[in-house]
N, C-alpha and C. Protein backbone atom coordinates (compact mmCIF):
# COMPACT_ATOMS: atom_id res chain seq x y z
N MET A 1 112.04 121.69 88.22
CA MET A 1 111.94 123.03 88.73
C MET A 1 112.29 122.99 90.22
N SER A 2 113.09 123.92 90.63
CA SER A 2 113.49 123.95 92.03
C SER A 2 112.94 125.19 92.73
N TYR A 3 112.75 125.05 94.02
CA TYR A 3 112.20 126.12 94.85
C TYR A 3 113.32 126.63 95.73
N SER A 4 113.53 127.94 95.74
CA SER A 4 114.59 128.50 96.56
C SER A 4 114.01 129.08 97.85
N GLU A 5 114.88 129.33 98.81
CA GLU A 5 114.46 129.84 100.11
C GLU A 5 113.82 131.22 100.02
N ASN A 6 114.11 131.98 98.97
CA ASN A 6 113.51 133.31 98.86
C ASN A 6 112.14 133.27 98.19
N GLY A 7 111.62 132.08 97.94
CA GLY A 7 110.26 131.96 97.43
C GLY A 7 110.12 131.90 95.93
N PHE A 8 111.22 131.74 95.21
CA PHE A 8 111.15 131.73 93.75
C PHE A 8 111.28 130.32 93.19
N PHE A 9 110.66 130.11 92.04
CA PHE A 9 110.72 128.85 91.33
C PHE A 9 111.55 129.07 90.07
N ASP A 10 112.83 128.73 90.12
CA ASP A 10 113.76 128.97 89.02
C ASP A 10 113.62 130.42 88.55
N ASN A 11 113.37 130.61 87.28
CA ASN A 11 113.25 131.96 86.72
C ASN A 11 111.81 132.42 86.60
N PHE A 12 110.88 131.72 87.22
CA PHE A 12 109.47 131.97 86.99
C PHE A 12 108.78 132.80 88.07
N GLY A 13 109.50 133.38 88.96
CA GLY A 13 108.86 134.20 89.99
C GLY A 13 108.63 133.42 91.26
N GLY A 14 107.78 133.94 92.10
CA GLY A 14 107.61 133.32 93.40
C GLY A 14 106.19 133.37 93.90
N LYS A 15 106.04 133.72 95.15
CA LYS A 15 104.74 133.73 95.81
C LYS A 15 104.01 135.03 95.49
N TYR A 16 102.92 134.92 94.80
CA TYR A 16 102.12 136.10 94.50
C TYR A 16 100.77 135.93 95.17
N VAL A 17 100.63 136.51 96.34
CA VAL A 17 99.39 136.43 97.11
C VAL A 17 99.08 137.81 97.67
N ALA A 18 97.85 137.99 98.07
CA ALA A 18 97.47 139.25 98.70
C ALA A 18 98.35 139.50 99.92
N GLU A 19 98.70 140.74 100.14
CA GLU A 19 99.59 141.09 101.26
C GLU A 19 99.05 140.59 102.60
N VAL A 20 97.74 140.60 102.76
CA VAL A 20 97.13 140.15 104.02
C VAL A 20 97.38 138.66 104.26
N LEU A 21 97.66 137.90 103.21
CA LEU A 21 97.91 136.46 103.35
C LEU A 21 99.38 136.11 103.51
N ARG A 22 100.26 137.05 103.25
CA ARG A 22 101.70 136.76 103.26
C ARG A 22 102.15 136.19 104.61
N ARG A 23 101.83 136.86 105.70
CA ARG A 23 102.29 136.43 107.03
C ARG A 23 101.71 135.07 107.42
N PRO A 24 100.39 134.85 107.28
CA PRO A 24 99.86 133.52 107.62
C PRO A 24 100.47 132.40 106.77
N LEU A 25 100.73 132.68 105.50
CA LEU A 25 101.34 131.65 104.65
C LEU A 25 102.78 131.39 105.04
N ASP A 26 103.50 132.43 105.43
CA ASP A 26 104.88 132.23 105.91
C ASP A 26 104.89 131.39 107.18
N GLU A 27 103.94 131.66 108.10
CA GLU A 27 103.83 130.87 109.33
C GLU A 27 103.47 129.42 109.01
N LEU A 28 102.57 129.24 108.07
CA LEU A 28 102.18 127.89 107.66
C LEU A 28 103.37 127.13 107.09
N GLU A 29 104.18 127.81 106.28
CA GLU A 29 105.36 127.19 105.69
C GLU A 29 106.35 126.75 106.77
N VAL A 30 106.57 127.59 107.76
CA VAL A 30 107.49 127.25 108.86
C VAL A 30 106.99 126.02 109.61
N GLU A 31 105.71 125.99 109.94
CA GLU A 31 105.15 124.86 110.68
C GLU A 31 105.15 123.58 109.85
N PHE A 32 104.91 123.71 108.54
CA PHE A 32 104.95 122.55 107.65
C PHE A 32 106.35 121.95 107.64
N LYS A 33 107.36 122.80 107.53
CA LYS A 33 108.75 122.30 107.52
C LYS A 33 109.09 121.62 108.84
N LYS A 34 108.60 122.18 109.97
CA LYS A 34 108.83 121.54 111.27
C LYS A 34 108.18 120.16 111.31
N ALA A 35 106.95 120.08 110.84
CA ALA A 35 106.23 118.81 110.86
C ALA A 35 106.94 117.78 109.99
N MET A 36 107.40 118.18 108.83
CA MET A 36 108.06 117.24 107.92
C MET A 36 109.42 116.79 108.45
N ALA A 37 109.98 117.51 109.40
CA ALA A 37 111.25 117.12 110.02
C ALA A 37 111.05 116.31 111.29
N ASP A 38 109.81 116.11 111.70
CA ASP A 38 109.49 115.40 112.94
C ASP A 38 109.19 113.93 112.64
N PRO A 39 110.06 113.01 113.08
CA PRO A 39 109.85 111.59 112.78
C PRO A 39 108.50 111.05 113.28
N ALA A 40 108.02 111.53 114.42
CA ALA A 40 106.73 111.06 114.93
C ALA A 40 105.60 111.49 114.01
N PHE A 41 105.67 112.70 113.48
CA PHE A 41 104.65 113.17 112.55
C PHE A 41 104.69 112.34 111.27
N ILE A 42 105.88 112.10 110.76
CA ILE A 42 106.02 111.33 109.52
C ILE A 42 105.46 109.93 109.71
N LYS A 43 105.74 109.31 110.86
CA LYS A 43 105.23 107.97 111.13
C LYS A 43 103.70 107.97 111.16
N GLU A 44 103.10 108.95 111.84
CA GLU A 44 101.64 109.03 111.89
C GLU A 44 101.05 109.29 110.51
N LEU A 45 101.69 110.16 109.75
CA LEU A 45 101.23 110.46 108.38
C LEU A 45 101.28 109.21 107.51
N GLU A 46 102.37 108.46 107.59
CA GLU A 46 102.48 107.24 106.80
C GLU A 46 101.42 106.21 107.20
N THR A 47 101.13 106.12 108.49
CA THR A 47 100.09 105.20 108.96
C THR A 47 98.73 105.60 108.40
N ILE A 48 98.41 106.87 108.48
CA ILE A 48 97.12 107.35 107.96
C ILE A 48 97.05 107.11 106.45
N GLN A 49 98.12 107.41 105.74
CA GLN A 49 98.13 107.20 104.29
C GLN A 49 97.96 105.72 103.96
N ARG A 50 98.66 104.86 104.67
CA ARG A 50 98.58 103.42 104.41
C ARG A 50 97.17 102.89 104.68
N ASP A 51 96.55 103.35 105.76
CA ASP A 51 95.27 102.79 106.17
C ASP A 51 94.06 103.42 105.50
N TYR A 52 94.20 104.62 104.96
CA TYR A 52 93.01 105.31 104.46
C TYR A 52 93.06 105.70 102.98
N ILE A 53 94.22 105.98 102.41
CA ILE A 53 94.28 106.39 101.01
C ILE A 53 93.97 105.20 100.12
N GLY A 54 93.05 105.41 99.19
CA GLY A 54 92.67 104.37 98.25
C GLY A 54 91.66 103.39 98.79
N ARG A 55 91.28 103.57 100.02
CA ARG A 55 90.33 102.67 100.67
C ARG A 55 88.91 103.08 100.30
N GLU A 56 88.05 102.11 100.17
CA GLU A 56 86.65 102.42 99.91
C GLU A 56 86.08 103.20 101.09
N THR A 57 85.21 104.12 100.80
CA THR A 57 84.57 104.89 101.85
C THR A 57 83.40 104.09 102.41
N PRO A 58 83.42 103.82 103.70
CA PRO A 58 82.32 103.04 104.26
C PRO A 58 81.04 103.88 104.32
N LEU A 59 79.94 103.27 103.96
CA LEU A 59 78.65 103.94 104.06
C LEU A 59 78.01 103.50 105.37
N LEU A 60 77.55 104.44 106.12
CA LEU A 60 76.92 104.15 107.39
C LEU A 60 75.43 104.41 107.29
N PHE A 61 74.65 103.56 107.91
CA PHE A 61 73.21 103.74 107.92
C PHE A 61 72.89 104.94 108.79
N ALA A 62 72.26 105.95 108.20
CA ALA A 62 71.89 107.16 108.94
C ALA A 62 70.44 107.02 109.36
N GLU A 63 70.25 106.44 110.51
CA GLU A 63 68.91 106.10 110.98
C GLU A 63 67.99 107.32 111.05
N THR A 64 68.50 108.45 111.48
CA THR A 64 67.65 109.64 111.61
C THR A 64 67.42 110.35 110.29
N ALA A 65 68.10 109.93 109.24
CA ALA A 65 67.94 110.58 107.94
C ALA A 65 67.00 109.82 107.02
N THR A 66 66.51 108.67 107.45
CA THR A 66 65.64 107.88 106.57
C THR A 66 64.22 107.85 107.08
């Protein structure tokens, strides 16, 4: 399935959201595309993914909670 610039997915329609959300989502899409085109962002993202995805979550002793 491919996504076109006008917001449609092949023959299945497109973005169906409340009108109040349309503008913020369009802004989010623009910024996401900028970030994905930024080599520094991609490098940082890959580092975070390499170091944290799939890693065990460390448990910390919560002294004030015991």
